[in-house]
């Protein structure tokens, strides 16, 4: 009964995962010295380090920049996932019940 009422939830979830995979995000630290690319599924896709913009012998600095960039891009992915999940909830709610989706975002 609820499967028809809310649509095929498993199918919608698979669509959401595919959408999240297609959303590409990027965090750039110190004017591109470290760039981390990820998707909204929180998968790191690439890490670029520009040796002309930082001292590679300063391991502590490099580690700090990597941690900062990775955390930044994961935060972006989390926000994108929340936005897309809210859209999914709004889309599957029956007419007149769309406001219930706000319960899941808090």
N, C-alpha and C. Protein backbone atom coordinates (compact mmCIF):
# COMPACT_ATOMS: atom_id res chain seq x y z
N UNK A 1 0.82 -1.19 0.00
CA UNK A 1 0.00 0.00 0.00
C UNK A 1 0.87 1.26 0.00
N UNK A 2 1.79 1.36 0.97
CA UNK A 2 2.63 2.55 1.05
C UNK A 2 3.61 2.63 -0.11
N UNK A 3 3.98 1.48 -0.68
CA UNK A 3 4.88 1.50 -1.84
C UNK A 3 4.30 2.30 -2.98
N UNK A 4 3.02 2.14 -3.23
CA UNK A 4 2.36 2.91 -4.29
C UNK A 4 2.13 4.35 -3.88
N UNK A 5 1.86 4.56 -2.58
CA UNK A 5 1.58 5.90 -2.09
C UNK A 5 2.83 6.79 -2.19
N UNK A 6 3.96 6.26 -1.83
CA UNK A 6 5.19 7.04 -1.82
C UNK A 6 6.07 6.80 -3.04
N UNK A 7 5.62 6.01 -3.98
CA UNK A 7 6.43 5.69 -5.14
C UNK A 7 7.40 4.58 -4.80
N UNK A 8 8.16 4.17 -5.75
CA UNK A 8 9.12 3.09 -5.53
C UNK A 8 10.34 3.68 -4.82
N UNK A 9 10.38 3.52 -3.50
CA UNK A 9 11.41 4.15 -2.69
C UNK A 9 12.80 3.62 -3.04
N UNK A 10 12.92 2.32 -3.27
CA UNK A 10 14.24 1.76 -3.62
C UNK A 10 14.75 2.35 -4.93
N UNK A 11 13.85 2.50 -5.88
CA UNK A 11 14.24 3.08 -7.17
C UNK A 11 14.65 4.54 -7.01
N UNK A 12 13.89 5.26 -6.21
CA UNK A 12 14.22 6.67 -5.96
C UNK A 12 15.56 6.80 -5.24
N UNK A 13 15.82 5.89 -4.29
CA UNK A 13 17.09 5.92 -3.56
C UNK A 13 18.25 5.66 -4.52
N UNK A 14 18.08 4.72 -5.44
CA UNK A 14 19.12 4.44 -6.43
C UNK A 14 19.36 5.66 -7.31
N UNK A 15 18.28 6.35 -7.69
CA UNK A 15 18.40 7.57 -8.48
C UNK A 15 19.16 8.64 -7.70
N UNK A 16 18.86 8.74 -6.39
CA UNK A 16 19.55 9.71 -5.54
C UNK A 16 21.04 9.41 -5.50
N UNK A 17 21.41 8.15 -5.33
CA UNK A 17 22.82 7.79 -5.27
C UNK A 17 23.53 8.13 -6.58
N UNK A 18 22.85 7.88 -7.69
CA UNK A 18 23.44 8.21 -9.00
C UNK A 18 23.60 9.72 -9.15
N UNK A 19 22.61 10.47 -8.69
CA UNK A 19 22.68 11.94 -8.74
C UNK A 19 23.85 12.44 -7.88
N UNK A 20 23.98 11.88 -6.65
CA UNK A 20 25.07 12.30 -5.77
C UNK A 20 26.43 12.01 -6.39
N UNK A 21 26.52 10.90 -7.08
CA UNK A 21 27.78 10.53 -7.74
C UNK A 21 28.14 11.53 -8.84
N UNK A 22 27.12 12.13 -9.45
CA UNK A 22 27.37 13.04 -10.57
C UNK A 22 27.66 14.48 -10.12
N UNK A 23 27.41 14.80 -8.86
CA UNK A 23 27.68 16.15 -8.34
C UNK A 23 29.15 16.23 -7.95
N UNK A 24 29.91 17.02 -8.69
CA UNK A 24 31.34 17.14 -8.45
C UNK A 24 31.65 18.39 -7.64
N UNK A 25 32.51 18.22 -6.64
CA UNK A 25 32.86 19.30 -5.72
C UNK A 25 34.38 19.45 -5.66
N UNK A 26 34.82 20.64 -5.29
CA UNK A 26 36.26 20.89 -5.24
C UNK A 26 36.58 21.86 -4.11
N UNK A 27 37.63 21.54 -3.37
CA UNK A 27 38.15 22.44 -2.34
C UNK A 27 39.59 22.79 -2.71
N UNK A 28 39.87 24.08 -2.75
CA UNK A 28 41.20 24.57 -3.10
C UNK A 28 41.74 25.37 -1.94
N UNK A 29 42.94 25.01 -1.48
CA UNK A 29 43.57 25.66 -0.33
C UNK A 29 44.84 26.38 -0.79
N UNK A 30 45.11 27.53 -0.20
CA UNK A 30 46.31 28.32 -0.50
C UNK A 30 46.48 28.57 -2.00
N UNK A 31 45.45 29.14 -2.59
CA UNK A 31 45.51 29.52 -4.00
C UNK A 31 45.88 28.34 -4.91
N UNK A 32 45.30 27.17 -4.61
CA UNK A 32 45.52 26.00 -5.45
C UNK A 32 46.73 25.17 -5.10
N UNK A 33 47.36 25.44 -3.97
CA UNK A 33 48.51 24.62 -3.57
C UNK A 33 48.06 23.18 -3.34
N UNK A 34 46.88 23.02 -2.75
CA UNK A 34 46.27 21.70 -2.55
C UNK A 34 44.83 21.79 -3.03
N UNK A 35 44.45 20.88 -3.91
CA UNK A 35 43.09 20.82 -4.43
C UNK A 35 42.58 19.41 -4.23
N UNK A 36 41.41 19.29 -3.60
CA UNK A 36 40.79 17.98 -3.40
C UNK A 36 39.45 17.99 -4.13
N UNK A 37 39.25 16.97 -4.96
CA UNK A 37 38.01 16.84 -5.71
C UNK A 37 37.27 15.60 -5.21
N UNK A 38 35.95 15.76 -5.09
CA UNK A 38 35.12 14.66 -4.59
C UNK A 38 33.75 14.76 -5.25
N UNK A 39 32.92 13.76 -4.98
CA UNK A 39 31.53 13.85 -5.39
C UNK A 39 30.66 13.92 -4.14
N UNK A 40 29.36 14.11 -4.34
CA UNK A 40 28.46 14.26 -3.21
C UNK A 40 28.18 12.95 -2.48
N UNK A 41 28.73 11.84 -2.97
CA UNK A 41 28.67 10.58 -2.24
C UNK A 41 29.82 10.49 -1.24
N UNK A 42 30.57 11.57 -1.12
CA UNK A 42 31.72 11.67 -0.21
C UNK A 42 32.86 10.75 -0.62
N UNK A 43 33.00 10.59 -1.91
CA UNK A 43 34.12 9.82 -2.46
C UNK A 43 35.17 10.81 -2.97
N UNK A 44 36.41 10.68 -2.48
CA UNK A 44 37.50 11.54 -2.95
C UNK A 44 37.90 11.02 -4.34
N UNK A 45 37.88 11.91 -5.32
CA UNK A 45 38.17 11.53 -6.70
C UNK A 45 39.59 11.87 -7.12
N UNK A 46 40.14 12.94 -6.53
CA UNK A 46 41.47 13.37 -6.94
C UNK A 46 42.04 14.32 -5.89
N UNK A 47 43.35 14.28 -5.75
CA UNK A 47 44.07 15.24 -4.91
C UNK A 47 45.23 15.77 -5.74
N UNK A 48 45.30 17.09 -5.86
CA UNK A 48 46.37 17.73 -6.61
C UNK A 48 47.21 18.55 -5.64
N UNK A 49 48.52 18.45 -5.79
CA UNK A 49 49.45 19.22 -4.96
C UNK A 49 50.38 19.96 -5.91
N UNK A 50 50.39 21.28 -5.81
CA UNK A 50 51.24 22.11 -6.66
C UNK A 50 52.53 22.41 -5.91
N UNK A 51 53.59 21.73 -6.29
CA UNK A 51 54.88 21.86 -5.59
C UNK A 51 55.50 23.25 -5.77
N UNK A 52 55.02 24.02 -6.74
CA UNK A 52 55.54 25.38 -6.93
C UNK A 52 54.96 26.35 -5.89
N UNK A 53 53.86 25.94 -5.25
CA UNK A 53 53.18 26.85 -4.32
C UNK A 53 53.43 26.52 -2.85
N UNK A 54 54.13 25.43 -2.57
CA UNK A 54 54.45 25.12 -1.18
C UNK A 54 55.71 24.30 -1.08
N UNK A 55 56.25 24.27 0.10
CA UNK A 55 57.48 23.55 0.38
C UNK A 55 57.15 22.11 0.74
N UNK A 56 57.45 21.18 -0.16
CA UNK A 56 57.11 19.77 0.07
C UNK A 56 57.93 19.15 1.20
N UNK A 57 58.99 19.80 1.61
CA UNK A 57 59.76 19.25 2.73
C UNK A 57 59.08 19.57 4.08
N UNK A 58 58.12 20.49 4.06
CA UNK A 58 57.37 20.83 5.27
C UNK A 58 56.15 19.90 5.36
N UNK A 59 56.39 18.70 5.83
CA UNK A 59 55.35 17.66 5.88
C UNK A 59 54.17 18.09 6.76
N UNK A 60 54.46 18.75 7.87
CA UNK A 60 53.39 19.18 8.77
C UNK A 60 52.42 20.13 8.06
N UNK A 61 52.96 21.08 7.30
CA UNK A 61 52.11 22.01 6.56
C UNK A 61 51.29 21.26 5.52
N UNK A 62 51.92 20.36 4.78
CA UNK A 62 51.22 19.60 3.76
C UNK A 62 50.09 18.78 4.37
N UNK A 63 50.36 18.12 5.47
CA UNK A 63 49.33 17.32 6.14
C UNK A 63 48.17 18.21 6.60
N UNK A 64 48.48 19.37 7.17
CA UNK A 64 47.44 20.29 7.61
C UNK A 64 46.57 20.76 6.44
N UNK A 65 47.22 21.08 5.32
CA UNK A 65 46.48 21.54 4.15
C UNK A 65 45.59 20.42 3.59
N UNK A 66 46.11 19.21 3.56
CA UNK A 66 45.32 18.08 3.08
C UNK A 66 44.11 17.82 3.97
N UNK A 67 44.32 17.84 5.28
CA UNK A 67 43.21 17.63 6.21
C UNK A 67 42.15 18.72 6.03
N UNK A 68 42.59 19.97 5.92
CA UNK A 68 41.66 21.08 5.74
C UNK A 68 40.86 20.93 4.45
N UNK A 69 41.54 20.64 3.35
CA UNK A 69 40.86 20.52 2.06
C UNK A 69 39.90 19.33 2.04
N UNK A 70 40.32 18.20 2.60
CA UNK A 70 39.46 17.02 2.63
C UNK A 70 38.22 17.29 3.49
N UNK A 71 38.42 17.86 4.66
CA UNK A 71 37.28 18.17 5.52
C UNK A 71 36.33 19.16 4.86
N UNK A 72 36.88 20.13 4.16
CA UNK A 72 36.07 21.13 3.47
C UNK A 72 35.20 20.47 2.39
N UNK A 73 35.80 19.62 1.57
CA UNK A 73 35.05 19.00 0.48
C UNK A 73 34.04 17.98 1.02
N UNK A 74 34.34 17.33 2.12
CA UNK A 74 33.38 16.41 2.74
C UNK A 74 32.19 17.21 3.28
N UNK A 75 32.45 18.38 3.85
CA UNK A 75 31.35 19.24 4.30
C UNK A 75 30.46 19.67 3.15
N UNK A 76 31.08 20.02 2.02
CA UNK A 76 30.30 20.38 0.83
C UNK A 76 29.45 19.21 0.37
N UNK A 77 30.04 18.01 0.40
CA UNK A 77 29.31 16.81 -0.03
C UNK A 77 28.13 16.53 0.89
N UNK A 78 28.33 16.73 2.17
CA UNK A 78 27.26 16.53 3.15
C UNK A 78 26.09 17.48 2.88
N UNK A 79 26.40 18.74 2.61
CA UNK A 79 25.37 19.72 2.30
C UNK A 79 24.63 19.36 1.01
N UNK A 80 25.37 18.95 -0.01
CA UNK A 80 24.75 18.57 -1.28
C UNK A 80 23.86 17.34 -1.09
N UNK A 81 24.32 16.38 -0.29
CA UNK A 81 23.52 15.19 -0.03
C UNK A 81 22.22 15.56 0.70
N UNK A 82 22.31 16.44 1.67
CA UNK A 82 21.12 16.86 2.40
C UNK A 82 20.13 17.57 1.48
N UNK A 83 20.63 18.43 0.62
CA UNK A 83 19.76 19.15 -0.33
C UNK A 83 19.06 18.18 -1.27
N UNK A 84 19.81 17.24 -1.82
CA UNK A 84 19.23 16.26 -2.75
C UNK A 84 18.26 15.32 -2.04
N UNK A 85 18.56 14.97 -0.80
CA UNK A 85 17.66 14.11 -0.03
C UNK A 85 16.34 14.82 0.26
N UNK A 86 16.41 16.11 0.57
CA UNK A 86 15.20 16.89 0.80
C UNK A 86 14.35 16.95 -0.47
N UNK A 87 15.00 17.10 -1.62
CA UNK A 87 14.26 17.10 -2.89
C UNK A 87 13.56 15.76 -3.08
N UNK A 88 14.26 14.68 -2.78
CA UNK A 88 13.68 13.35 -2.93
C UNK A 88 12.46 13.19 -2.02
N UNK A 89 12.58 13.61 -0.77
CA UNK A 89 11.47 13.49 0.17
C UNK A 89 10.28 14.32 -0.32
N UNK A 90 10.54 15.53 -0.80
CA UNK A 90 9.47 16.38 -1.32
C UNK A 90 8.80 15.74 -2.53
N UNK A 91 9.59 15.10 -3.37
CA UNK A 91 9.04 14.48 -4.58
C UNK A 91 8.18 13.27 -4.28
N UNK A 92 8.52 12.52 -3.23
CA UNK A 92 7.76 11.29 -2.98
C UNK A 92 6.55 11.50 -2.06
N UNK A 93 6.48 12.66 -1.40
CA UNK A 93 5.35 12.93 -0.53
C UNK A 93 4.09 13.13 -1.36
N UNK A 94 2.99 12.56 -0.91
CA UNK A 94 1.72 12.79 -1.61
C UNK A 94 1.34 14.27 -1.55
N UNK A 95 0.53 14.74 -2.50
CA UNK A 95 0.12 16.14 -2.51
C UNK A 95 -0.49 16.53 -1.16
N UNK A 96 -0.11 17.70 -0.68
CA UNK A 96 -0.63 18.20 0.58
C UNK A 96 0.18 17.77 1.78
N UNK A 97 1.14 16.86 1.60
CA UNK A 97 1.95 16.38 2.71
C UNK A 97 3.41 16.80 2.57
N UNK A 98 3.69 17.65 1.59
CA UNK A 98 5.06 18.06 1.32
C UNK A 98 5.76 18.69 2.51
N UNK A 99 5.03 19.36 3.40
CA UNK A 99 5.63 19.99 4.57
C UNK A 99 6.20 19.00 5.56
N UNK A 100 5.77 17.74 5.47
CA UNK A 100 6.30 16.73 6.38
C UNK A 100 7.77 16.46 6.12
N UNK A 101 8.24 16.75 4.91
CA UNK A 101 9.65 16.55 4.59
C UNK A 101 10.55 17.37 5.48
N UNK A 102 10.05 18.49 6.00
CA UNK A 102 10.86 19.33 6.90
C UNK A 102 11.19 18.61 8.21
N UNK A 103 10.38 17.64 8.58
CA UNK A 103 10.65 16.88 9.80
C UNK A 103 11.95 16.11 9.71
N UNK A 104 12.31 15.68 8.50
CA UNK A 104 13.49 14.84 8.31
C UNK A 104 14.77 15.67 8.24
N UNK A 105 14.67 16.95 7.98
CA UNK A 105 15.85 17.79 7.84
C UNK A 105 16.30 18.42 9.14
N UNK A 106 15.59 18.17 10.21
CA UNK A 106 15.95 18.81 11.48
C UNK A 106 16.52 17.84 12.45
